[in-house]
Amino acid sequence: MKSTGFGFLTGLGVGVVLGLLYAPQSGKKTQELIVKRTRSGLDKVSAAGKRIRTQSGNFTEKASERISDAVEAGREGYREQKARA
């Protein structure tokens, strides 16, 4: 899945650059447009990366809490059974 997304973004970027290079504008305006769009794209990728990092951290934290709860429940059950014996 990662390589598919990366390939898509790479293809999209190449397509945008080629489209801009063949656009009916002056070279200077085209260069400025490429720089502007590249920065915008990098900002979007960076924001998406931060969002994914936050979500994965939240998921990891919740999973860790659930595992801790399950381990504690197991220990409690063991103690109860041991006390009955």
Protein backbone atom coordinates (compact mmCIF):
# COMPACT_ATOMS: atom_id res chain seq x y z
CA MET A 1 0.00 0.00 0.00
CA LYS A 2 2.84 2.38 0.82
CA SER A 3 4.52 1.94 -2.56
CA THR A 4 1.20 2.45 -4.35
CA GLY A 5 0.61 5.74 -2.54
CA PHE A 6 4.17 6.87 -3.14
CA GLY A 7 3.94 5.92 -6.81
CA PHE A 8 0.67 7.81 -7.16
CA LEU A 9 2.10 10.94 -5.54
CA THR A 10 5.24 10.72 -7.67
CA GLY A 11 3.19 10.33 -10.84
CA LEU A 12 0.95 13.20 -9.81
CA GLY A 13 3.95 15.43 -9.18
CA VAL A 14 5.56 14.56 -12.49
CA GLY A 15 2.27 15.18 -14.30
CA VAL A 16 1.82 18.57 -12.67
CA VAL A 17 5.37 19.63 -13.50
CA LEU A 18 5.06 18.50 -17.13
CA GLY A 19 1.71 20.22 -17.44
CA LEU A 20 3.17 23.44 -16.11
CA LEU A 21 6.19 23.24 -18.39
CA TYR A 22 3.94 23.07 -21.43
CA ALA A 23 1.54 25.74 -20.18
CA PRO A 24 1.33 28.95 -22.21
CA GLN A 25 3.16 31.18 -19.69
CA SER A 26 6.54 32.83 -19.52
CA GLY A 27 9.42 30.79 -18.14
CA LYS A 28 9.73 32.94 -15.03
CA LYS A 29 6.03 32.65 -14.20
CA THR A 30 6.15 28.91 -14.78
CA GLN A 31 9.15 28.55 -12.48
CA GLU A 32 7.41 30.56 -9.77
CA LEU A 33 4.28 28.45 -10.17
CA ILE A 34 6.31 25.22 -9.92
CA VAL A 35 8.04 26.44 -6.75
CA LYS A 36 4.74 27.55 -5.23
CA ARG A 37 2.97 24.28 -6.00
CA THR A 38 5.93 22.18 -4.88
CA ARG A 39 6.02 23.97 -1.53
CA SER A 40 2.26 23.59 -1.20
CA GLY A 41 2.53 19.87 -1.96
CA LEU A 42 5.34 19.42 0.54
CA ASP A 43 3.31 21.25 3.18
CA LYS A 44 0.36 18.93 2.55
CA VAL A 45 2.56 15.83 2.74
CA SER A 46 4.13 17.11 5.96
CA ALA A 47 0.72 17.80 7.49
CA ALA A 48 -0.50 14.35 6.49
CA GLY A 49 2.61 12.79 8.04
CA LYS A 50 2.03 14.64 11.31
CA ARG A 51 -1.62 13.58 11.33
CA ILE A 52 -0.69 9.93 10.72
CA ARG A 53 1.98 10.07 13.42
CA THR A 54 -0.55 11.46 15.91
CA GLN A 55 -3.14 8.84 15.00
CA SER A 56 -0.65 6.00 15.27
CA GLY A 57 0.52 7.32 18.64
CA ASN A 58 -3.07 7.43 19.88
CA PHE A 59 -3.66 3.90 18.60
CA THR A 60 -0.49 2.64 20.28
CA GLU A 61 -1.44 4.30 23.55
CA LYS A 62 -4.94 2.79 23.52
CA ALA A 63 -3.59 -0.66 22.61
CA SER A 64 -1.05 -0.45 25.43
CA GLU A 65 -3.78 0.49 27.91
CA ARG A 66 -5.94 -2.42 26.78
CA ILE A 67 -3.06 -4.86 27.08
CA SER A 68 -2.24 -3.56 30.56
CA ASP A 69 -5.88 -3.94 31.57
CA ALA A 70 -5.99 -7.49 30.22
CA VAL A 71 -2.77 -8.44 32.03
CA GLU A 72 -4.08 -6.97 35.27
CA ALA A 73 -7.38 -8.84 34.88
CA GLY A 74 -5.43 -12.04 34.31
CA ARG A 75 -3.33 -11.46 37.41
CA GLU A 76 -6.42 -10.72 39.47
CA GLY A 77 -8.08 -13.90 38.23
CA TYR A 78 -4.96 -15.88 39.08
CA ARG A 79 -4.87 -14.41 42.58
CA GLU A 80 -8.54 -15.26 43.13
CA GLN A 81 -8.06 -18.85 41.99
CA LYS A 82 -4.93 -19.21 44.09
CA ALA A 83 -6.75 -17.88 47.17
CA ARG A 84 -9.56 -20.43 46.70
CA ALA A 85 -7.16 -23.35 46.47
